[in-house]
Amino acid sequence: MGSHDTTSPRLALRWLRKRTRHITDQLDAAYAQPGLHWLTDETEHERALTYMTEGTGYQLTLYDENTRYVLVVHPTGATS
């Protein structure tokens, strides 16, 4: 549903947080919980940064009854 180019893993994480917030704001409370937890999970954010810094992609999946939201961050030229 969209893409965004950044110049660093930290900016990619910022984008991922922003998109996660947008999605959780639209979900019912029960479905938003995993995303809201992820938004405050600093350990997971550091893990995501490590993956991206090492050239590996990172994926976060959120869902509700009818829709799955898959947020993927990967280095230029990589597919996962």
PDB file of N, CA and C in Angstrom:
ATOM      1  N   MET A   1       0.819  -1.181   0.000  1.00  0.00           N
ATOM      2  CA  MET A   1       0.000   0.000   0.000  1.00  0.00           C
ATOM      3  C   MET A   1       0.870   1.255   0.000  1.00  0.00           C
ATOM      4  N   GLY A   2       2.177   1.065  -0.011  1.00  0.00           N
ATOM      5  CA  GLY A   2       3.043   2.219  -0.048  1.00  0.00           C
ATOM      6  C   GLY A   2       4.463   1.835   0.264  1.00  0.00           C
ATOM      7  N   SER A   3       5.358   2.752   0.021  1.00  0.00           N
ATOM      8  CA  SER A   3       6.755   2.531   0.362  1.00  0.00           C
ATOM      9  C   SER A   3       7.385   3.867   0.728  1.00  0.00           C
ATOM     10  N   HIS A   4       8.531   3.771   1.350  1.00  0.00           N
ATOM     11  CA  HIS A   4       9.233   4.983   1.775  1.00  0.00           C
ATOM     12  C   HIS A   4      10.717   4.671   1.798  1.00  0.00           C
ATOM     13  N   ASP A   5      11.509   5.453   1.097  1.00  0.00           N
ATOM     14  CA  ASP A   5      12.956   5.278   1.102  1.00  0.00           C
ATOM     15  C   ASP A   5      13.558   6.108   2.225  1.00  0.00           C
ATOM     16  N   THR A   6      14.539   5.535   2.924  1.00  0.00           N
ATOM     17  CA  THR A   6      15.261   6.269   3.959  1.00  0.00           C
ATOM     18  C   THR A   6      16.758   6.089   3.741  1.00  0.00           C
ATOM     19  N   THR A   7      17.531   6.830   4.489  1.00  0.00           N
ATOM     20  CA  THR A   7      18.979   6.775   4.328  1.00  0.00           C
ATOM     21  C   THR A   7      19.685   6.036   5.455  1.00  0.00           C
ATOM     22  N   SER A   8      18.927   5.558   6.452  1.00  0.00           N
ATOM     23  CA  SER A   8      19.558   4.856   7.565  1.00  0.00           C
ATOM     24  C   SER A   8      18.572   3.903   8.240  1.00  0.00           C
ATOM     25  N   PRO A   9      19.101   2.881   8.937  1.00  0.00           N
ATOM     26  CA  PRO A   9      18.229   1.983   9.702  1.00  0.00           C
ATOM     27  C   PRO A   9      17.403   2.727  10.749  1.00  0.00           C
ATOM     28  N   ARG A  10      17.980   3.744  11.392  1.00  0.00           N
ATOM     29  CA  ARG A  10      17.246   4.488  12.409  1.00  0.00           C
ATOM     30  C   ARG A  10      16.037   5.217  11.813  1.00  0.00           C
ATOM     31  N   LEU A  11      16.214   5.789  10.634  1.00  0.00           N
ATOM     32  CA  LEU A  11      15.087   6.435   9.957  1.00  0.00           C
ATOM     33  C   LEU A  11      14.048   5.404   9.507  1.00  0.00           C
ATOM     34  N   ALA A  12      14.506   4.231   9.118  1.00  0.00           N
ATOM     35  CA  ALA A  12      13.578   3.160   8.752  1.00  0.00           C
ATOM     36  C   ALA A  12      12.745   2.736   9.962  1.00  0.00           C
ATOM     37  N   LEU A  13      13.398   2.639  11.124  1.00  0.00           N
ATOM     38  CA  LEU A  13      12.666   2.296  12.350  1.00  0.00           C
ATOM     39  C   LEU A  13      11.666   3.388  12.697  1.00  0.00           C
ATOM     40  N   ARG A  14      12.044   4.626  12.511  1.00  0.00           N
ATOM     41  CA  ARG A  14      11.117   5.740  12.758  1.00  0.00           C
ATOM     42  C   ARG A  14       9.878   5.609  11.870  1.00  0.00           C
ATOM     43  N   TRP A  15      10.099   5.295  10.587  1.00  0.00           N
ATOM     44  CA  TRP A  15       8.988   5.095   9.661  1.00  0.00           C
ATOM     45  C   TRP A  15       8.113   3.936  10.127  1.00  0.00           C
ATOM     46  N   LEU A  16       8.760   2.837  10.547  1.00  0.00           N
ATOM     47  CA  LEU A  16       8.015   1.666  11.001  1.00  0.00           C
ATOM     48  C   LEU A  16       7.153   2.005  12.216  1.00  0.00           C
ATOM     49  N   ARG A  17       7.681   2.764  13.137  1.00  0.00           N
ATOM     50  CA  ARG A  17       6.899   3.191  14.310  1.00  0.00           C
ATOM     51  C   ARG A  17       5.709   4.058  13.886  1.00  0.00           C
ATOM     52  N   LYS A  18       5.967   4.986  12.986  1.00  0.00           N
ATOM     53  CA  LYS A  18       4.901   5.882  12.529  1.00  0.00           C
ATOM     54  C   LYS A  18       3.773   5.106  11.852  1.00  0.00           C
ATOM     55  N   ARG A  19       4.118   4.195  10.970  1.00  0.00           N
ATOM     56  CA  ARG A  19       3.099   3.401  10.267  1.00  0.00           C
ATOM     57  C   ARG A  19       2.355   2.485  11.248  1.00  0.00           C
ATOM     58  N   THR A  20       3.084   1.920  12.215  1.00  0.00           N
ATOM     59  CA  THR A  20       2.438   1.066  13.221  1.00  0.00           C
ATOM     60  C   THR A  20       1.429   1.871  14.025  1.00  0.00           C
ATOM     61  N   ARG A  21       1.797   3.085  14.396  1.00  0.00           N
ATOM     62  CA  ARG A  21       0.876   3.952  15.133  1.00  0.00           C
ATOM     63  C   ARG A  21      -0.365   4.256  14.297  1.00  0.00           C
ATOM     64  N   HIS A  22      -0.172   4.565  13.008  1.00  0.00           N
ATOM     65  CA  HIS A  22      -1.319   4.840  12.135  1.00  0.00           C
ATOM     66  C   HIS A  22      -2.259   3.642  12.072  1.00  0.00           C
ATOM     67  N   ILE A  23      -1.691   2.463  11.957  1.00  0.00           N
ATOM     68  CA  ILE A  23      -2.523   1.256  11.853  1.00  0.00           C
ATOM     69  C   ILE A  23      -3.229   0.976  13.174  1.00  0.00           C
ATOM     70  N   THR A  24      -2.505   1.014  14.296  1.00  0.00           N
ATOM     71  CA  THR A  24      -3.143   0.712  15.581  1.00  0.00           C
ATOM     72  C   THR A  24      -4.236   1.714  15.926  1.00  0.00           C
ATOM     73  N   ASP A  25      -4.081   2.952  15.480  1.00  0.00           N
ATOM     74  CA  ASP A  25      -5.120   3.957  15.718  1.00  0.00           C
ATOM     75  C   ASP A  25      -6.433   3.593  15.030  1.00  0.00           C
ATOM     76  N   GLN A  26      -6.373   2.784  14.003  1.00  0.00           N
ATOM     77  CA  GLN A  26      -7.566   2.427  13.240  1.00  0.00           C
ATOM     78  C   GLN A  26      -8.167   1.076  13.642  1.00  0.00           C
ATOM     79  N   LEU A  27      -7.434   0.312  14.429  1.00  0.00           N
ATOM     80  CA  LEU A  27      -7.911  -1.016  14.819  1.00  0.00           C
ATOM     81  C   LEU A  27      -8.733  -0.955  16.109  1.00  0.00           C
ATOM     82  N   ASP A  28      -9.639  -1.928  16.271  1.00  0.00           N
ATOM     83  CA  ASP A  28     -10.328  -2.084  17.544  1.00  0.00           C
ATOM     84  C   ASP A  28      -9.288  -2.413  18.611  1.00  0.00           C
ATOM     85  N   ALA A  29      -9.597  -2.095  19.856  1.00  0.00           N
ATOM     86  CA  ALA A  29      -8.633  -2.213  20.955  1.00  0.00           C
ATOM     87  C   ALA A  29      -7.966  -3.589  21.033  1.00  0.00           C
ATOM     88  N   ALA A  30      -8.728  -4.641  20.925  1.00  0.00           N
ATOM     89  CA  ALA A  30      -8.155  -5.986  21.048  1.00  0.00           C
ATOM     90  C   ALA A  30      -7.129  -6.264  19.951  1.00  0.00           C
ATOM     91  N   TYR A  31      -7.417  -5.833  18.742  1.00  0.00           N
ATOM     92  CA  TYR A  31      -6.500  -6.065  17.632  1.00  0.00           C
ATOM     93  C   TYR A  31      -5.312  -5.098  17.659  1.00  0.00           C
ATOM     94  N   ALA A  32      -5.489  -3.956  18.285  1.00  0.00           N
ATOM     95  CA  ALA A  32      -4.410  -2.966  18.364  1.00  0.00           C
ATOM     96  C   ALA A  32      -3.351  -3.346  19.398  1.00  0.00           C
ATOM     97  N   GLN A  33      -3.706  -4.174  20.382  1.00  0.00           N
ATOM     98  CA  GLN A  33      -2.793  -4.491  21.477  1.00  0.00           C
ATOM     99  C   GLN A  33      -1.402  -4.949  21.039  1.00  0.00           C
ATOM    100  N   PRO A  34      -1.254  -5.897  20.122  1.00  0.00           N
ATOM    101  CA  PRO A  34       0.102  -6.317  19.722  1.00  0.00           C
ATOM    102  C   PRO A  34       0.923  -5.155  19.154  1.00  0.00           C
ATOM    103  N   GLY A  35       0.316  -4.320  18.346  1.00  0.00           N
ATOM    104  CA  GLY A  35       1.017  -3.175  17.788  1.00  0.00           C
ATOM    105  C   GLY A  35       1.378  -2.154  18.853  1.00  0.00           C
ATOM    106  N   LEU A  36       0.468  -1.919  19.793  1.00  0.00           N
ATOM    107  CA  LEU A  36       0.745  -0.981  20.881  1.00  0.00           C
ATOM    108  C   LEU A  36       1.878  -1.503  21.764  1.00  0.00           C
ATOM    109  N   HIS A  37       1.883  -2.806  21.989  1.00  0.00           N
ATOM    110  CA  HIS A  37       2.986  -3.404  22.745  1.00  0.00           C
ATOM    111  C   HIS A  37       4.297  -3.232  21.987  1.00  0.00           C
ATOM    112  N   TRP A  38       4.290  -3.498  20.686  1.00  0.00           N
ATOM    113  CA  TRP A  38       5.499  -3.355  19.882  1.00  0.00           C
ATOM    114  C   TRP A  38       6.023  -1.921  19.950  1.00  0.00           C
ATOM    115  N   LEU A  39       5.126  -0.943  19.934  1.00  0.00           N
ATOM    116  CA  LEU A  39       5.539   0.462  19.971  1.00  0.00           C
ATOM    117  C   LEU A  39       6.331   0.821  21.229  1.00  0.00           C
ATOM    118  N   THR A  40       6.136   0.093  22.314  1.00  0.00           N
ATOM    119  CA  THR A  40       6.835   0.389  23.570  1.00  0.00           C
ATOM    120  C   THR A  40       7.940  -0.620  23.883  1.00  0.00           C
ATOM    121  N   ASP A  41       8.179  -1.555  22.991  1.00  0.00           N
ATOM    122  CA  ASP A  41       9.154  -2.629  23.227  1.00  0.00           C
ATOM    123  C   ASP A  41      10.538  -2.218  22.717  1.00  0.00           C
ATOM    124  N   GLU A  42      11.298  -1.534  23.572  1.00  0.00           N
ATOM    125  CA  GLU A  42      12.621  -1.032  23.177  1.00  0.00           C
ATOM    126  C   GLU A  42      13.575  -2.164  22.798  1.00  0.00           C
ATOM    127  N   THR A  43      13.473  -3.300  23.470  1.00  0.00           N
ATOM    128  CA  THR A  43      14.329  -4.441  23.139  1.00  0.00           C
ATOM    129  C   THR A  43      14.071  -4.897  21.710  1.00  0.00           C
ATOM    130  N   GLU A  44      12.824  -4.953  21.314  1.00  0.00           N
ATOM    131  CA  GLU A  44      12.483  -5.354  19.943  1.00  0.00           C
ATOM    132  C   GLU A  44      12.944  -4.305  18.938  1.00  0.00           C
ATOM    133  N   HIS A  45      12.868  -3.041  19.308  1.00  0.00           N
ATOM    134  CA  HIS A  45      13.350  -1.975  18.420  1.00  0.00           C
ATOM    135  C   HIS A  45      14.854  -2.113  18.188  1.00  0.00           C
ATOM    136  N   GLU A  46      15.594  -2.437  19.245  1.00  0.00           N
ATOM    137  CA  GLU A  46      17.040  -2.642  19.097  1.00  0.00           C
ATOM    138  C   GLU A  46      17.332  -3.851  18.213  1.00  0.00           C
ATOM    139  N   ARG A  47      16.528  -4.891  18.366  1.00  0.00           N
ATOM    140  CA  ARG A  47      16.696  -6.080  17.515  1.00  0.00           C
ATOM    141  C   ARG A  47      16.440  -5.717  16.059  1.00  0.00           C
ATOM    142  N   ALA A  48      15.395  -4.941  15.806  1.00  0.00           N
ATOM    143  CA  ALA A  48      15.089  -4.511  14.437  1.00  0.00           C
ATOM    144  C   ALA A  48      16.241  -3.684  13.866  1.00  0.00           C
ATOM    145  N   LEU A  49      16.778  -2.772  14.672  1.00  0.00           N
ATOM    146  CA  LEU A  49      17.915  -1.959  14.229  1.00  0.00           C
ATOM    147  C   LEU A  49      19.126  -2.818  13.905  1.00  0.00           C
ATOM    148  N   THR A  50      19.373  -3.814  14.722  1.00  0.00           N
ATOM    149  CA  THR A  50      20.494  -4.722  14.475  1.00  0.00           C
ATOM    150  C   THR A  50      20.302  -5.443  13.153  1.00  0.00           C
ATOM    151  N   TYR A  51      19.112  -5.983  12.911  1.00  0.00           N
ATOM    152  CA  TYR A  51      18.835  -6.655  11.635  1.00  0.00           C
ATOM    153  C   TYR A  51      19.099  -5.724  10.465  1.00  0.00           C
ATOM    154  N   MET A  52      18.549  -4.524  10.548  1.00  0.00           N
ATOM    155  CA  MET A  52      18.681  -3.585   9.434  1.00  0.00           C
ATOM    156  C   MET A  52      20.128  -3.147   9.234  1.00  0.00           C
ATOM    157  N   THR A  53      20.844  -2.924  10.330  1.00  0.00           N
ATOM    158  CA  THR A  53      22.243  -2.521  10.241  1.00  0.00           C
ATOM    159  C   THR A  53      23.088  -3.613   9.601  1.00  0.00           C
ATOM    160  N   GLU A  54      22.736  -4.866   9.862  1.00  0.00           N
ATOM    161  CA  GLU A  54      23.467  -6.005   9.294  1.00  0.00           C
ATOM    162  C   GLU A  54      23.017  -6.337   7.875  1.00  0.00           C
ATOM    163  N   GLY A  55      22.046  -5.593   7.346  1.00  0.00           N
ATOM    164  CA  GLY A  55      21.588  -5.818   5.983  1.00  0.00           C
ATOM    165  C   GLY A  55      20.474  -6.829   5.838  1.00  0.00           C
ATOM    166  N   THR A  56      19.841  -7.176   6.949  1.00  0.00           N
ATOM    167  CA  THR A  56      18.733  -8.121   6.947  1.00  0.00           C
ATOM    168  C   THR A  56      17.416  -7.352   7.077  1.00  0.00           C
ATOM    169  N   GLY A  57      16.376  -7.826   6.449  1.00  0.00           N
ATOM    170  CA  GLY A  57      15.074  -7.185   6.562  1.00  0.00           C
ATOM    171  C   GLY A  57      14.423  -7.459   7.906  1.00  0.00           C
ATOM    172  N   TYR A  58      13.384  -6.697   8.198  1.00  0.00           N
ATOM    173  CA  TYR A  58      12.609  -6.852   9.425  1.00  0.00           C
ATOM    174  C   TYR A  58      11.140  -6.732   9.051  1.00  0.00           C
ATOM    175  N   GLN A  59      10.313  -7.591   9.628  1.00  0.00           N
ATOM    176  CA  GLN A  59       8.887  -7.604   9.290  1.00  0.00           C
ATOM    177  C   GLN A  59       8.045  -7.553  10.552  1.00  0.00           C
ATOM    178  N   LEU A  60       6.995  -6.751  10.508  1.00  0.00           N
ATOM    179  CA  LEU A  60       6.012  -6.665  11.582  1.00  0.00           C
ATOM    180  C   LEU A  60       4.638  -6.882  10.959  1.00  0.00           C
ATOM    181  N   THR A  61       3.875  -7.818  11.503  1.00  0.00           N
ATOM    182  CA  THR A  61       2.554  -8.115  10.969  1.00  0.00           C
ATOM    183  C   THR A  61       1.491  -7.814  12.013  1.00  0.00           C
ATOM    184  N   LEU A  62       0.499  -7.043  11.616  1.00  0.00           N
ATOM    185  CA  LEU A  62      -0.665  -6.728  12.442  1.00  0.00           C
ATOM    186  C   LEU A  62      -1.897  -7.170  11.675  1.00  0.00           C
ATOM    187  N   TYR A  63      -2.978  -7.446  12.384  1.00  0.00           N
ATOM    188  CA  TYR A  63      -4.176  -7.898  11.683  1.00  0.00           C
ATOM    189  C   TYR A  63      -5.425  -7.588  12.493  1.00  0.00           C
ATOM    190  N   ASP A  64      -6.546  -7.645  11.789  1.00  0.00           N
ATOM    191  CA  ASP A  64      -7.848  -7.636  12.444  1.00  0.00           C
ATOM    192  C   ASP A  64      -8.650  -8.758  11.823  1.00  0.00           C
ATOM    193  N   GLU A  65      -9.964  -8.736  11.955  1.00  0.00           N
ATOM    194  CA  GLU A  65     -10.789  -9.837  11.459  1.00  0.00           C
ATOM    195  C   GLU A  65     -10.650 -10.060   9.957  1.00  0.00           C
ATOM    196  N   ASN A  66     -10.493  -8.997   9.200  1.00  0.00           N
ATOM    197  CA  ASN A  66     -10.542  -9.101   7.749  1.00  0.00           C
ATOM    198  C   ASN A  66      -9.267  -8.723   7.011  1.00  0.00           C
ATOM    199  N   THR A  67      -8.320  -8.118   7.703  1.00  0.00           N
ATOM    200  CA  THR A  67      -7.164  -7.555   7.010  1.00  0.00           C
ATOM    201  C   THR A  67      -5.874  -7.887   7.734  1.00  0.00           C
ATOM    202  N   ARG A  68      -4.835  -8.144   6.958  1.00  0.00           N
ATOM    203  CA  ARG A  68      -3.493  -8.347   7.497  1.00  0.00           C
ATOM    204  C   ARG A  68      -2.610  -7.204   7.006  1.00  0.00           C
ATOM    205  N   TYR A  69      -1.908  -6.560   7.917  1.00  0.00           N
ATOM    206  CA  TYR A  69      -0.995  -5.467   7.595  1.00  0.00           C
ATOM    207  C   TYR A  69       0.424  -5.980   7.806  1.00  0.00           C
ATOM    208  N   VAL A  70       1.194  -6.048   6.748  1.00  0.00           N
ATOM    209  CA  VAL A  70       2.565  -6.534   6.830  1.00  0.00           C
ATOM    210  C   VAL A  70       3.492  -5.361   6.519  1.00  0.00           C
ATOM    211  N   LEU A  71       4.231  -4.944   7.522  1.00  0.00           N
ATOM    212  CA  LEU A  71       5.185  -3.844   7.381  1.00  0.00           C
ATOM    213  C   LEU A  71       6.572  -4.461   7.254  1.00  0.00           C
ATOM    214  N   VAL A  72       7.251  -4.174   6.166  1.00  0.00           N
ATOM    215  CA  VAL A  72       8.557  -4.771   5.905  1.00  0.00           C
ATOM    216  C   VAL A  72       9.570  -3.668   5.664  1.00  0.00           C
ATOM    217  N   VAL A  73      10.705  -3.794   6.324  1.00  0.00           N
ATOM    218  CA  VAL A  73      11.821  -2.879   6.130  1.00  0.00           C
ATOM    219  C   VAL A  73      12.979  -3.720   5.641  1.00  0.00           C
ATOM    220  N   HIS A  74      13.591  -3.305   4.538  1.00  0.00           N
ATOM    221  CA  HIS A  74      14.737  -4.051   4.015  1.00  0.00           C
ATOM    222  C   HIS A  74      15.701  -3.133   3.286  1.00  0.00           C
ATOM    223  N   PRO A  75      16.961  -3.518   3.221  1.00  0.00           N
ATOM    224  CA  PRO A  75      17.945  -2.706   2.510  1.00  0.00           C
ATOM    225  C   PRO A  75      17.608  -2.641   1.016  1.00  0.00           C
ATOM    226  N   THR A  76      18.042  -1.577   0.379  1.00  0.00           N
ATOM    227  CA  THR A  76      17.845  -1.422  -1.052  1.00  0.00           C
ATOM    228  C   THR A  76      18.389  -2.636  -1.802  1.00  0.00           C
ATOM    229  N   GLY A  77      17.584  -3.185  -2.688  1.00  0.00           N
ATOM    230  CA  GLY A  77      18.012  -4.347  -3.469  1.00  0.00           C
ATOM    231  C   GLY A  77      17.695  -5.673  -2.815  1.00  0.00           C
ATOM    232  N   ALA A  78      17.353  -5.685  -1.515  1.00  0.00           N
ATOM    233  CA  ALA A  78      17.006  -6.911  -0.821  1.00  0.00           C
ATOM    234  C   ALA A  78      15.515  -7.130  -0.894  1.00  0.00           C
ATOM    235  N   THR A  79      15.111  -8.375  -0.738  1.00  0.00           N
ATOM    236  CA  THR A  79      13.672  -8.695  -0.784  1.00  0.00           C
ATOM    237  C   THR A  79      13.156  -9.211   0.538  1.00  0.00           C
ATOM    238  N   SER A  80      14.022  -9.431   1.510  1.00  0.00           N
ATOM    239  CA  SER A  80      13.548  -9.880   2.820  1.00  0.00           C
ATOM    240  C   SER A  80      14.505  -9.468   3.908  1.00  0.00           C
TER     241      SER A  80
END
